[in-house]
Structures are given as structure tokens and as C-alpha cells.
Amino acid sequence: MDLIREKLQILIDWLTNKGIPLPLFRDLLTQKPSFSMTLATLSFVMWCLGITELIKDMDIDKCENMVLITVGLYLGRKLTNNNKDKTKLEIDTQQQGEKTSEQ
């Protein structure tokens, strides 16, 4: 049992450090790979191919919903996943708390 646990731990460590390389689109502002941007772009391309009827028998309504969901995911991550602004907000609220305690 310990041998299995050790081999599993080695596999988990390898996956954590090396990972599985995936071709991802890069965010234009941060230049980091973005999984949510990749999903949004691919679903948009599939939607465009469905509208132009290059892919026959595609349900456009479901594809359009997928585009909206993935773009919402991307925008949600971009609007809420900024640690610099979070730190600034914490500093601002601390400074406001100090100003009110001084008065």
C-alpha cells in the first residue's frame, strides 16, 4: 500500500510541477496563457462555422449559448481575478478605518 501511495505521490508531484502542456491562447494584456480565453475563442469560431453552414446540422442556439457562457467566464475571470486591485482595496479600507479612528 505504501508503494502505491509513493508512486501516486510521485505522479501528482510530476503533474503539479511539469503539467500537461496544452496549446492555449495568450491574454493580450498579461501575455499569460488563458484557458477561459481559449474556450471563448474556440466556441466563437465554432459558432461562426455553424452560422456560415460550413458545419452542417449544428444547433446554432446551443452553440450561441456556449459562446455566451464562455465569454461570461472569461470576462468574469478578468473582472474579478486581479490581485493588485484587491490589495489596493484592502489598503484603502485600512486607511479609511485609521482616519475614522483618529477623528
C-alpha atoms as a PDB file:
ATOM      1  CA  MET A   1       0.000   0.000   0.000  1.00  0.00           C
ATOM      2  CA  ASP A   2       2.866   2.386   0.766  1.00  0.00           C
ATOM      3  CA  LEU A   3       4.448   1.635  -2.612  1.00  0.00           C
ATOM      4  CA  ILE A   4       1.240   2.612  -4.394  1.00  0.00           C
ATOM      5  CA  ARG A   5       0.974   5.774  -2.286  1.00  0.00           C
ATOM      6  CA  GLU A   6       4.583   6.740  -3.076  1.00  0.00           C
ATOM      7  CA  LYS A   7       4.130   6.169  -6.819  1.00  0.00           C
ATOM      8  CA  LEU A   8       0.909   8.148  -6.754  1.00  0.00           C
ATOM      9  CA  GLN A   9       2.648  10.969  -4.892  1.00  0.00           C
ATOM     10  CA  ILE A  10       5.450  10.987  -7.481  1.00  0.00           C
ATOM     11  CA  LEU A  11       2.865  11.184 -10.287  1.00  0.00           C
ATOM     12  CA  ILE A  12       0.994  14.018  -8.564  1.00  0.00           C
ATOM     13  CA  ASP A  13       4.249  15.925  -7.977  1.00  0.00           C
ATOM     14  CA  TRP A  14       5.248  15.478 -11.624  1.00  0.00           C
ATOM     15  CA  LEU A  15       1.850  16.687 -12.854  1.00  0.00           C
ATOM     16  CA  THR A  16       1.979  19.647 -10.483  1.00  0.00           C
ATOM     17  CA  ASN A  17       5.490  20.725 -11.489  1.00  0.00           C
ATOM     18  CA  LYS A  18       5.510  19.835 -15.184  1.00  0.00           C
ATOM     19  CA  GLY A  19       1.839  19.664 -16.002  1.00  0.00           C
ATOM     20  CA  ILE A  20       0.329  18.524 -19.245  1.00  0.00           C
ATOM     21  CA  PRO A  21       1.203  21.010 -21.987  1.00  0.00           C
ATOM     22  CA  LEU A  22      -1.866  22.389 -23.735  1.00  0.00           C
ATOM     23  CA  PRO A  23      -1.831  24.887 -26.558  1.00  0.00           C
ATOM     24  CA  LEU A  24      -3.626  27.885 -25.050  1.00  0.00           C
ATOM     25  CA  PHE A  25      -4.294  31.353 -26.376  1.00  0.00           C
ATOM     26  CA  ARG A  26      -2.450  34.114 -24.572  1.00  0.00           C
ATOM     27  CA  ASP A  27      -4.198  37.050 -22.995  1.00  0.00           C
ATOM     28  CA  LEU A  28      -3.277  40.217 -24.888  1.00  0.00           C
ATOM     29  CA  LEU A  29      -2.711  42.313 -21.763  1.00  0.00           C
ATOM     30  CA  THR A  30      -0.926  39.916 -19.428  1.00  0.00           C
ATOM     31  CA  GLN A  31       0.736  37.704 -22.075  1.00  0.00           C
ATOM     32  CA  LYS A  32      -0.119  34.667 -19.935  1.00  0.00           C
ATOM     33  CA  PRO A  33      -1.897  31.585 -21.273  1.00  0.00           C
ATOM     34  CA  SER A  34      -5.629  31.781 -20.597  1.00  0.00           C
ATOM     35  CA  PHE A  35      -7.830  28.691 -20.562  1.00  0.00           C
ATOM     36  CA  SER A  36     -11.027  30.751 -20.397  1.00  0.00           C
ATOM     37  CA  MET A  37      -9.949  32.845 -23.395  1.00  0.00           C
ATOM     38  CA  THR A  38      -9.160  29.651 -25.319  1.00  0.00           C
ATOM     39  CA  LEU A  39     -12.647  28.269 -24.614  1.00  0.00           C
ATOM     40  CA  ALA A  40     -14.308  31.540 -25.607  1.00  0.00           C
ATOM     41  CA  THR A  41     -12.330  31.794 -28.843  1.00  0.00           C
ATOM     42  CA  LEU A  42     -12.922  28.192 -29.883  1.00  0.00           C
ATOM     43  CA  SER A  43     -16.650  28.348 -29.141  1.00  0.00           C
ATOM     44  CA  PHE A  44     -16.899  31.611 -31.125  1.00  0.00           C
ATOM     45  CA  VAL A  45     -15.121  30.031 -34.100  1.00  0.00           C
ATOM     46  CA  MET A  46     -17.455  27.018 -33.969  1.00  0.00           C
ATOM     47  CA  TRP A  47     -20.455  29.371 -33.812  1.00  0.00           C
ATOM     48  CA  CYS A  48     -19.167  31.266 -36.876  1.00  0.00           C
ATOM     49  CA  LEU A  49     -18.668  27.997 -38.758  1.00  0.00           C
ATOM     50  CA  GLY A  50     -22.204  26.946 -37.838  1.00  0.00           C
ATOM     51  CA  ILE A  51     -23.744  30.229 -38.998  1.00  0.00           C
ATOM     52  CA  THR A  52     -21.947  30.097 -42.352  1.00  0.00           C
ATOM     53  CA  GLU A  53     -23.139  26.479 -42.633  1.00  0.00           C
ATOM     54  CA  LEU A  54     -19.642  25.132 -43.164  1.00  0.00           C
ATOM     55  CA  ILE A  55     -20.574  22.592 -40.477  1.00  0.00           C
ATOM     56  CA  LYS A  56     -23.930  21.055 -41.367  1.00  0.00           C
ATOM     57  CA  ASP A  57     -26.562  20.047 -38.794  1.00  0.00           C
ATOM     58  CA  MET A  58     -25.170  22.221 -35.994  1.00  0.00           C
ATOM     59  CA  ASP A  59     -27.666  23.516 -33.458  1.00  0.00           C
ATOM     60  CA  ILE A  60     -26.952  27.246 -33.589  1.00  0.00           C
ATOM     61  CA  ASP A  61     -28.935  28.033 -30.424  1.00  0.00           C
ATOM     62  CA  LYS A  62     -26.857  25.679 -28.276  1.00  0.00           C
ATOM     63  CA  CYS A  63     -23.651  26.925 -29.859  1.00  0.00           C
ATOM     64  CA  GLU A  64     -24.685  30.524 -29.197  1.00  0.00           C
ATOM     65  CA  ASN A  65     -25.370  29.665 -25.557  1.00  0.00           C
ATOM     66  CA  MET A  66     -21.911  28.126 -25.313  1.00  0.00           C
ATOM     67  CA  VAL A  67     -20.354  31.324 -26.686  1.00  0.00           C
ATOM     68  CA  LEU A  68     -22.237  33.427 -24.142  1.00  0.00           C
ATOM     69  CA  ILE A  69     -21.243  31.139 -21.261  1.00  0.00           C
ATOM     70  CA  THR A  70     -17.552  31.026 -22.173  1.00  0.00           C
ATOM     71  CA  VAL A  71     -17.331  34.775 -22.828  1.00  0.00           C
ATOM     72  CA  GLY A  72     -19.044  35.298 -19.471  1.00  0.00           C
ATOM     73  CA  LEU A  73     -16.478  33.002 -17.865  1.00  0.00           C
ATOM     74  CA  TYR A  74     -13.621  34.929 -19.461  1.00  0.00           C
ATOM     75  CA  LEU A  75     -14.986  38.335 -18.515  1.00  0.00           C
ATOM     76  CA  GLY A  76     -15.822  37.136 -15.025  1.00  0.00           C
ATOM     77  CA  ARG A  77     -12.267  35.967 -14.500  1.00  0.00           C
ATOM     78  CA  LYS A  78     -10.804  39.162 -15.966  1.00  0.00           C
ATOM     79  CA  LEU A  79     -13.000  41.441 -13.873  1.00  0.00           C
ATOM     80  CA  THR A  80     -12.581  39.613 -10.569  1.00  0.00           C
ATOM     81  CA  ASN A  81      -9.152  37.990 -10.717  1.00  0.00           C
ATOM     82  CA  ASN A  82      -6.857  40.972 -10.182  1.00  0.00           C
ATOM     83  CA  ASN A  83      -4.792  40.670  -7.007  1.00  0.00           C
ATOM     84  CA  LYS A  84      -3.258  44.146  -7.341  1.00  0.00           C
ATOM     85  CA  ASP A  85      -6.639  45.859  -7.103  1.00  0.00           C
ATOM     86  CA  LYS A  86      -7.642  43.608  -4.196  1.00  0.00           C
ATOM     87  CA  THR A  87      -4.534  44.637  -2.271  1.00  0.00           C
ATOM     88  CA  LYS A  88      -5.187  48.290  -3.089  1.00  0.00           C
ATOM     89  CA  LEU A  89      -8.766  47.948  -1.858  1.00  0.00           C
ATOM     90  CA  GLU A  90      -7.566  46.400   1.412  1.00  0.00           C
ATOM     91  CA  ILE A  91      -5.059  49.245   1.889  1.00  0.00           C
ATOM     92  CA  ASP A  92      -7.713  51.873   1.121  1.00  0.00           C
ATOM     93  CA  THR A  93     -10.180  50.377   3.604  1.00  0.00           C
ATOM     94  CA  GLN A  94      -7.466  50.186   6.268  1.00  0.00           C
ATOM     95  CA  GLN A  95      -6.579  53.844   5.688  1.00  0.00           C
ATOM     96  CA  GLN A  96     -10.233  54.843   5.924  1.00  0.00           C
ATOM     97  CA  GLY A  97     -10.527  52.903   9.179  1.00  0.00           C
ATOM     98  CA  GLU A  98      -7.480  54.719  10.575  1.00  0.00           C
ATOM     99  CA  LYS A  99      -8.914  58.117   9.556  1.00  0.00           C
ATOM    100  CA  THR A 100     -12.210  57.432  11.313  1.00  0.00           C
ATOM    101  CA  SER A 101     -10.471  56.214  14.465  1.00  0.00           C
ATOM    102  CA  GLU A 102      -8.325  59.384  14.563  1.00  0.00           C
ATOM    103  CA  GLN A 103     -11.384  61.627  14.452  1.00  0.00           C
END
